[in-house]
Amino acid sequence: LTLGLLDIGLGVLWWGLFVLLTARLSGLMRESGPRK
């Protein structure tokens, strides 16, 4: 149970950071300079 909860916690942390990073990068990619 402890190892399973640790896996779930790390997965939530990883995917949360991934979503925040991609949200920030999508805003950056909407600008024409970096996209070019």
All heavy atoms as atom14 arrays in JSON, in Angstrom:
{
  "sequence": "LTLGLLDIGLGVLWWGLFVLLTARLSGLMRESGPRK",
  "atom14_mask": [
    [1, 1, 1, 1, 1, 1, 1, 1, 0, 0, 0, 0, 0, 0],
    [1, 1, 1, 1, 1, 1, 1, 0, 0, 0, 0, 0, 0, 0],
    [1, 1, 1, 1, 1, 1, 1, 1, 0, 0, 0, 0, 0, 0],
    [1, 1, 1, 1, 0, 0, 0, 0, 0, 0, 0, 0, 0, 0],
    [1, 1, 1, 1, 1, 1, 1, 1, 0, 0, 0, 0, 0, 0],
    [1, 1, 1, 1, 1, 1, 1, 1, 0, 0, 0, 0, 0, 0],
    [1, 1, 1, 1, 1, 1, 1, 1, 0, 0, 0, 0, 0, 0],
    [1, 1, 1, 1, 1, 1, 1, 1, 0, 0, 0, 0, 0, 0],
    [1, 1, 1, 1, 0, 0, 0, 0, 0, 0, 0, 0, 0, 0],
    [1, 1, 1, 1, 1, 1, 1, 1, 0, 0, 0, 0, 0, 0],
    [1, 1, 1, 1, 0, 0, 0, 0, 0, 0, 0, 0, 0, 0],
    [1, 1, 1, 1, 1, 1, 1, 0, 0, 0, 0, 0, 0, 0],
    [1, 1, 1, 1, 1, 1, 1, 1, 0, 0, 0, 0, 0, 0],
    [1, 1, 1, 1, 1, 1, 1, 1, 1, 1, 1, 1, 1, 1],
    [1, 1, 1, 1, 1, 1, 1, 1, 1, 1, 1, 1, 1, 1],
    [1, 1, 1, 1, 0, 0, 0, 0, 0, 0, 0, 0, 0, 0],
    [1, 1, 1, 1, 1, 1, 1, 1, 0, 0, 0, 0, 0, 0],
    [1, 1, 1, 1, 1, 1, 1, 1, 1, 1, 1, 0, 0, 0],
    [1, 1, 1, 1, 1, 1, 1, 0, 0, 0, 0, 0, 0, 0],
    [1, 1, 1, 1, 1, 1, 1, 1, 0, 0, 0, 0, 0, 0],
    [1, 1, 1, 1, 1, 1, 1, 1, 0, 0, 0, 0, 0, 0],
    [1, 1, 1, 1, 1, 1, 1, 0, 0, 0, 0, 0, 0, 0],
    [1, 1, 1, 1, 1, 0, 0, 0, 0, 0, 0, 0, 0, 0],
    [1, 1, 1, 1, 1, 1, 1, 1, 1, 1, 1, 0, 0, 0],
    [1, 1, 1, 1, 1, 1, 1, 1, 0, 0, 0, 0, 0, 0],
    [1, 1, 1, 1, 1, 1, 0, 0, 0, 0, 0, 0, 0, 0],
    [1, 1, 1, 1, 0, 0, 0, 0, 0, 0, 0, 0, 0, 0],
    [1, 1, 1, 1, 1, 1, 1, 1, 0, 0, 0, 0, 0, 0],
    [1, 1, 1, 1, 1, 1, 1, 1, 0, 0, 0, 0, 0, 0],
    [1, 1, 1, 1, 1, 1, 1, 1, 1, 1, 1, 0, 0, 0],
    [1, 1, 1, 1, 1, 1, 1, 1, 1, 0, 0, 0, 0, 0],
    [1, 1, 1, 1, 1, 1, 0, 0, 0, 0, 0, 0, 0, 0],
    [1, 1, 1, 1, 0, 0, 0, 0, 0, 0, 0, 0, 0, 0],
    [1, 1, 1, 1, 1, 1, 1, 0, 0, 0, 0, 0, 0, 0],
    [1, 1, 1, 1, 1, 1, 1, 1, 1, 1, 1, 0, 0, 0],
    [1, 1, 1, 1, 1, 1, 1, 1, 1, 0, 0, 0, 0, 0]
  ],
  "atom14_positions": [
    [[0.83, -1.2, 0.0], [0.0, 0.0, 0.0], [0.87, 1.25, 0.0], [0.62, 2.19, -0.75], [-0.93, -0.01, 1.21], [-1.87, 1.18, 1.34], [-2.87, 1.19, 0.18], [-2.59, 1.15, 2.67], [0.0, 0.0, 0.0], [0.0, 0.0, 0.0], [0.0, 0.0, 0.0], [0.0, 0.0, 0.0], [0.0, 0.0, 0.0], [0.0, 0.0, 0.0]],
    [[1.91, 1.26, 0.83], [2.82, 2.42, 0.88], [3.51, 2.63, -0.47], [3.59, 3.76, -0.96], [3.87, 2.22, 1.98], [3.2, 2.05, 3.23], [4.82, 3.4, 2.06], [0.0, 0.0, 0.0], [0.0, 0.0, 0.0], [0.0, 0.0, 0.0], [0.0, 0.0, 0.0], [0.0, 0.0, 0.0], [0.0, 0.0, 0.0], [0.0, 0.0, 0.0]],
    [[4.02, 1.55, -1.06], [4.69, 1.67, -2.35], [3.72, 2.11, -3.44], [4.07, 2.91, -4.31], [5.36, 0.35, -2.72], [6.57, -0.04, -1.87], [7.0, -1.45, -2.18], [7.7, 0.94, -2.08], [0.0, 0.0, 0.0], [0.0, 0.0, 0.0], [0.0, 0.0, 0.0], [0.0, 0.0, 0.0], [0.0, 0.0, 0.0], [0.0, 0.0, 0.0]],
    [[2.5, 1.61, -3.41], [1.49, 2.02, -4.39], [1.15, 3.49, -4.25], [1.03, 4.22, -5.24], [0.0, 0.0, 0.0], [0.0, 0.0, 0.0], [0.0, 0.0, 0.0], [0.0, 0.0, 0.0], [0.0, 0.0, 0.0], [0.0, 0.0, 0.0], [0.0, 0.0, 0.0], [0.0, 0.0, 0.0], [0.0, 0.0, 0.0], [0.0, 0.0, 0.0]],
    [[0.97, 3.94, -2.99], [0.66, 5.36, -2.78], [1.84, 6.25, -3.19], [1.64, 7.35, -3.71], [0.29, 5.61, -1.32], [-1.04, 5.02, -0.88], [-1.23, 5.19, 0.63], [-2.19, 5.66, -1.64], [0.0, 0.0, 0.0], [0.0, 0.0, 0.0], [0.0, 0.0, 0.0], [0.0, 0.0, 0.0], [0.0, 0.0, 0.0], [0.0, 0.0, 0.0]],
    [[3.05, 5.77, -2.95], [4.24, 6.52, -3.39], [4.27, 6.64, -4.91], [4.55, 7.71, -5.46], [5.5, 5.84, -2.88], [6.82, 6.51, -3.22], [6.91, 7.87, -2.56], [7.97, 5.63, -2.78], [0.0, 0.0, 0.0], [0.0, 0.0, 0.0], [0.0, 0.0, 0.0], [0.0, 0.0, 0.0], [0.0, 0.0, 0.0], [0.0, 0.0, 0.0]],
    [[3.94, 5.56, -5.59], [3.89, 5.58, -7.05], [2.82, 6.55, -7.54], [3.06, 7.33, -8.47], [3.63, 4.18, -7.59], [3.59, 4.15, -9.1], [4.58, 4.56, -9.73], [2.55, 3.73, -9.65], [0.0, 0.0, 0.0], [0.0, 0.0, 0.0], [0.0, 0.0, 0.0], [0.0, 0.0, 0.0], [0.0, 0.0, 0.0], [0.0, 0.0, 0.0]],
    [[1.67, 6.52, -6.93], [0.59, 7.43, -7.32], [0.99, 8.88, -7.06], [0.79, 9.76, -7.91], [-0.71, 7.08, -6.57], [-1.26, 5.75, -7.08], [-1.75, 8.19, -6.71], [-2.39, 5.19, -6.24], [0.0, 0.0, 0.0], [0.0, 0.0, 0.0], [0.0, 0.0, 0.0], [0.0, 0.0, 0.0], [0.0, 0.0, 0.0], [0.0, 0.0, 0.0]],
    [[1.59, 9.14, -5.89], [2.02, 10.5, -5.56], [3.06, 11.04, -6.53], [2.98, 12.19, -6.99], [0.0, 0.0, 0.0], [0.0, 0.0, 0.0], [0.0, 0.0, 0.0], [0.0, 0.0, 0.0], [0.0, 0.0, 0.0], [0.0, 0.0, 0.0], [0.0, 0.0, 0.0], [0.0, 0.0, 0.0], [0.0, 0.0, 0.0], [0.0, 0.0, 0.0]],
    [[4.04, 10.2, -6.86], [5.06, 10.64, -7.82], [4.47, 10.85, -9.21], [4.87, 11.77, -9.93], [6.2, 9.62, -7.88], [7.1, 9.57, -6.64], [8.07, 8.4, -6.73], [7.83, 10.87, -6.46], [0.0, 0.0, 0.0], [0.0, 0.0, 0.0], [0.0, 0.0, 0.0], [0.0, 0.0, 0.0], [0.0, 0.0, 0.0], [0.0, 0.0, 0.0]],
    [[3.51, 10.0, -9.58], [2.85, 10.18, -10.88], [2.07, 11.47, -10.95], [2.12, 12.2, -11.94], [0.0, 0.0, 0.0], [0.0, 0.0, 0.0], [0.0, 0.0, 0.0], [0.0, 0.0, 0.0], [0.0, 0.0, 0.0], [0.0, 0.0, 0.0], [0.0, 0.0, 0.0], [0.0, 0.0, 0.0], [0.0, 0.0, 0.0], [0.0, 0.0, 0.0]],
    [[1.35, 11.79, -9.87], [0.59, 13.05, -9.83], [1.53, 14.24, -9.89], [1.28, 15.22, -10.61], [-0.31, 13.1, -8.57], [-0.85, 14.49, -8.33], [-1.44, 12.09, -8.69], [0.0, 0.0, 0.0], [0.0, 0.0, 0.0], [0.0, 0.0, 0.0], [0.0, 0.0, 0.0], [0.0, 0.0, 0.0], [0.0, 0.0, 0.0], [0.0, 0.0, 0.0]],
    [[2.63, 14.17, -9.14], [3.61, 15.26, -9.16], [4.21, 15.43, -10.56], [4.29, 16.55, -11.08], [4.72, 14.98, -8.14], [5.84, 16.01, -8.08], [5.31, 17.33, -7.53], [6.96, 15.49, -7.21], [0.0, 0.0, 0.0], [0.0, 0.0, 0.0], [0.0, 0.0, 0.0], [0.0, 0.0, 0.0], [0.0, 0.0, 0.0], [0.0, 0.0, 0.0]],
    [[4.64, 14.32, -11.18], [5.24, 14.38, -12.51], [4.28, 14.96, -13.54], [4.63, 15.86, -14.29], [5.73, 13.0, -12.93], [6.03, 12.93, -14.39], [5.32, 12.28, -15.33], [7.11, 13.57, -15.08], [5.89, 12.46, -16.58], [6.99, 13.26, -16.44], [8.16, 14.39, -14.68], [7.88, 13.72, -17.4], [9.04, 14.84, -15.64], [8.9, 14.51, -16.97]],
    [[3.05, 14.41, -13.6], [2.1, 14.88, -14.6], [1.64, 16.3, -14.32], [1.36, 17.06, -15.25], [0.92, 13.92, -14.73], [1.31, 12.69, -15.46], [1.44, 11.44, -14.94], [1.69, 12.59, -16.83], [1.86, 10.57, -15.92], [2.02, 11.24, -17.09], [1.79, 13.51, -17.87], [2.43, 10.8, -18.34], [2.19, 13.06, -19.11], [2.51, 11.72, -19.33]],
    [[1.58, 16.7, -13.05], [1.26, 18.09, -12.73], [2.32, 19.04, -13.26], [2.01, 20.07, -13.86], [0.0, 0.0, 0.0], [0.0, 0.0, 0.0], [0.0, 0.0, 0.0], [0.0, 0.0, 0.0], [0.0, 0.0, 0.0], [0.0, 0.0, 0.0], [0.0, 0.0, 0.0], [0.0, 0.0, 0.0], [0.0, 0.0, 0.0], [0.0, 0.0, 0.0]],
    [[3.59, 18.7, -13.04], [4.68, 19.53, -13.56], [4.68, 19.54, -15.09], [4.93, 20.58, -15.71], [6.02, 19.03, -13.04], [6.29, 19.26, -11.56], [7.57, 18.54, -11.14], [6.36, 20.73, -11.25], [0.0, 0.0, 0.0], [0.0, 0.0, 0.0], [0.0, 0.0, 0.0], [0.0, 0.0, 0.0], [0.0, 0.0, 0.0], [0.0, 0.0, 0.0]],
    [[4.4, 18.4, -15.69], [4.35, 18.31, -17.14], [3.25, 19.2, -17.71], [3.46, 19.91, -18.7], [4.11, 16.85, -17.54], [4.08, 16.61, -19.02], [5.25, 16.59, -19.74], [2.89, 16.42, -19.68], [5.24, 16.37, -21.11], [2.85, 16.2, -21.04], [4.03, 16.18, -21.76], [0.0, 0.0, 0.0], [0.0, 0.0, 0.0], [0.0, 0.0, 0.0]],
    [[2.09, 19.18, -17.09], [0.97, 20.02, -17.56], [1.32, 21.49, -17.41], [1.06, 22.3, -18.32], [-0.32, 19.66, -16.8], [-1.39, 20.71, -17.0], [-0.83, 18.3, -17.24], [0.0, 0.0, 0.0], [0.0, 0.0, 0.0], [0.0, 0.0, 0.0], [0.0, 0.0, 0.0], [0.0, 0.0, 0.0], [0.0, 0.0, 0.0], [0.0, 0.0, 0.0]],
    [[1.91, 21.87, -16.28], [2.29, 23.28, -16.1], [3.33, 23.72, -17.12], [3.24, 24.82, -17.68], [2.82, 23.49, -14.68], [1.8, 23.39, -13.57], [2.5, 23.49, -12.2], [0.75, 24.48, -13.69], [0.0, 0.0, 0.0], [0.0, 0.0, 0.0], [0.0, 0.0, 0.0], [0.0, 0.0, 0.0], [0.0, 0.0, 0.0], [0.0, 0.0, 0.0]],
    [[4.3, 22.87, -17.38], [5.34, 23.2, -18.36], [4.76, 23.33, -19.76], [5.07, 24.28, -20.48], [6.45, 22.16, -18.34], [7.58, 22.38, -19.33], [8.36, 23.64, -18.96], [8.51, 21.18, -19.35], [0.0, 0.0, 0.0], [0.0, 0.0, 0.0], [0.0, 0.0, 0.0], [0.0, 0.0, 0.0], [0.0, 0.0, 0.0], [0.0, 0.0, 0.0]],
    [[3.93, 22.39, -20.17], [3.36, 22.46, -21.51], [2.39, 23.63, -21.65], [2.29, 24.21, -22.73], [2.65, 21.15, -21.89], [1.69, 20.83, -20.89], [3.64, 20.03, -22.04], [0.0, 0.0, 0.0], [0.0, 0.0, 0.0], [0.0, 0.0, 0.0], [0.0, 0.0, 0.0], [0.0, 0.0, 0.0], [0.0, 0.0, 0.0], [0.0, 0.0, 0.0]],
    [[1.69, 23.99, -20.58], [0.81, 25.16, -20.64], [1.64, 26.42, -20.86], [1.28, 27.29, -21.66], [-0.01, 25.27, -19.37], [0.0, 0.0, 0.0], [0.0, 0.0, 0.0], [0.0, 0.0, 0.0], [0.0, 0.0, 0.0], [0.0, 0.0, 0.0], [0.0, 0.0, 0.0], [0.0, 0.0, 0.0], [0.0, 0.0, 0.0], [0.0, 0.0, 0.0]],
    [[2.76, 26.51, -20.18], [3.63, 27.68, -20.34], [4.26, 27.71, -21.74], [4.35, 28.75, -22.38], [4.7, 27.66, -19.28], [5.66, 28.82, -19.39], [6.43, 28.98, -18.14], [5.97, 30.23, -17.54], [6.29, 30.65, -16.36], [7.03, 29.91, -15.59], [5.88, 31.79, -15.91], [0.0, 0.0, 0.0], [0.0, 0.0, 0.0], [0.0, 0.0, 0.0]],
    [[4.69, 26.53, -22.22], [5.27, 26.47, -23.56], [4.25, 26.74, -24.66], [4.59, 27.31, -25.69], [5.94, 25.12, -23.79], [7.26, 24.9, -23.08], [7.76, 23.49, -23.29], [8.29, 25.89, -23.56], [0.0, 0.0, 0.0], [0.0, 0.0, 0.0], [0.0, 0.0, 0.0], [0.0, 0.0, 0.0], [0.0, 0.0, 0.0], [0.0, 0.0, 0.0]],
    [[3.0, 26.34, -24.45], [1.99, 26.61, -25.47], [1.74, 28.1, -25.59], [1.51, 28.61, -26.68], [0.7, 25.86, -25.17], [0.04, 26.43, -24.06], [0.0, 0.0, 0.0], [0.0, 0.0, 0.0], [0.0, 0.0, 0.0], [0.0, 0.0, 0.0], [0.0, 0.0, 0.0], [0.0, 0.0, 0.0], [0.0, 0.0, 0.0], [0.0, 0.0, 0.0]],
    [[1.79, 28.81, -24.47], [1.67, 30.27, -24.52], [2.84, 30.89, -25.26], [2.67, 31.84, -26.04], [0.0, 0.0, 0.0], [0.0, 0.0, 0.0], [0.0, 0.0, 0.0], [0.0, 0.0, 0.0], [0.0, 0.0, 0.0], [0.0, 0.0, 0.0], [0.0, 0.0, 0.0], [0.0, 0.0, 0.0], [0.0, 0.0, 0.0], [0.0, 0.0, 0.0]],
    [[4.02, 30.35, -25.05], [5.21, 30.86, -25.74], [5.13, 30.57, -27.24], [5.52, 31.39, -28.06], [6.47, 30.22, -25.15], [7.8, 30.61, -25.77], [8.1, 32.07, -25.48], [8.9, 29.73, -25.25], [0.0, 0.0, 0.0], [0.0, 0.0, 0.0], [0.0, 0.0, 0.0], [0.0, 0.0, 0.0], [0.0, 0.0, 0.0], [0.0, 0.0, 0.0]],
    [[4.62, 29.4, -27.6], [4.56, 29.02, -29.01], [3.49, 29.78, -29.79], [3.48, 29.75, -31.02], [4.31, 27.52, -29.14], [5.49, 26.67, -28.69], [7.04, 27.13, -29.47], [6.69, 26.73, -31.15], [0.0, 0.0, 0.0], [0.0, 0.0, 0.0], [0.0, 0.0, 0.0], [0.0, 0.0, 0.0], [0.0, 0.0, 0.0], [0.0, 0.0, 0.0]],
    [[2.59, 30.45, -29.1], [1.59, 31.26, -29.8], [2.2, 32.55, -30.36], [1.64, 33.16, -31.25], [0.44, 31.59, -28.85], [-0.43, 30.4, -28.59], [-1.7, 30.78, -27.85], [-2.47, 29.6, -27.58], [-2.62, 29.05, -26.39], [-2.05, 29.61, -25.34], [-3.34, 27.97, -26.22], [0.0, 0.0, 0.0], [0.0, 0.0, 0.0], [0.0, 0.0, 0.0]],
    [[3.36, 32.93, -29.82], [4.05, 34.12, -30.34], [4.76, 33.73, -31.63], [5.24, 32.62, -31.81], [5.05, 34.62, -29.31], [4.4, 35.06, -28.01], [5.42, 35.4, -26.94], [6.61, 35.51, -27.27], [5.02, 35.53, -25.78], [0.0, 0.0, 0.0], [0.0, 0.0, 0.0], [0.0, 0.0, 0.0], [0.0, 0.0, 0.0], [0.0, 0.0, 0.0]],
    [[4.84, 34.69, -32.55], [5.38, 34.37, -33.88], [6.9, 34.18, -33.88], [7.41, 33.36, -34.65], [4.99, 35.45, -34.88], [5.6, 36.68, -34.52], [0.0, 0.0, 0.0], [0.0, 0.0, 0.0], [0.0, 0.0, 0.0], [0.0, 0.0, 0.0], [0.0, 0.0, 0.0], [0.0, 0.0, 0.0], [0.0, 0.0, 0.0], [0.0, 0.0, 0.0]],
    [[7.64, 34.88, -33.06], [9.11, 34.79, -33.08], [9.62, 33.4, -32.74], [10.33, 32.78, -33.54], [0.0, 0.0, 0.0], [0.0, 0.0, 0.0], [0.0, 0.0, 0.0], [0.0, 0.0, 0.0], [0.0, 0.0, 0.0], [0.0, 0.0, 0.0], [0.0, 0.0, 0.0], [0.0, 0.0, 0.0], [0.0, 0.0, 0.0], [0.0, 0.0, 0.0]],
    [[9.31, 32.88, -31.56], [9.8, 31.54, -31.22], [9.26, 30.46, -32.15], [9.95, 29.48, -32.44], [9.3, 31.31, -29.79], [9.04, 32.67, -29.26], [8.66, 33.52, -30.42], [0.0, 0.0, 0.0], [0.0, 0.0, 0.0], [0.0, 0.0, 0.0], [0.0, 0.0, 0.0], [0.0, 0.0, 0.0], [0.0, 0.0, 0.0], [0.0, 0.0, 0.0]],
    [[8.06, 30.65, -32.64], [7.48, 29.64, -33.54], [8.24, 29.6, -34.87], [8.49, 28.53, -35.41], [6.01, 29.95, -33.78], [5.34, 28.86, -34.57], [3.86, 29.11, -34.69], [3.26, 28.04, -35.41], [2.33, 27.25, -34.91], [1.89, 27.44, -33.7], [1.82, 26.3, -35.63], [0.0, 0.0, 0.0], [0.0, 0.0, 0.0], [0.0, 0.0, 0.0]],
    [[8.63, 30.76, -35.38], [9.4, 30.79, -36.62], [10.76, 30.11, -36.43], [11.21, 29.37, -37.31], [9.6, 32.23, -37.09], [8.37, 32.84, -37.72], [8.67, 34.25, -38.2], [7.41, 34.89, -38.78], [7.65, 36.25, -39.25], [0.0, 0.0, 0.0], [0.0, 0.0, 0.0], [0.0, 0.0, 0.0], [0.0, 0.0, 0.0], [0.0, 0.0, 0.0]]
  ]
}
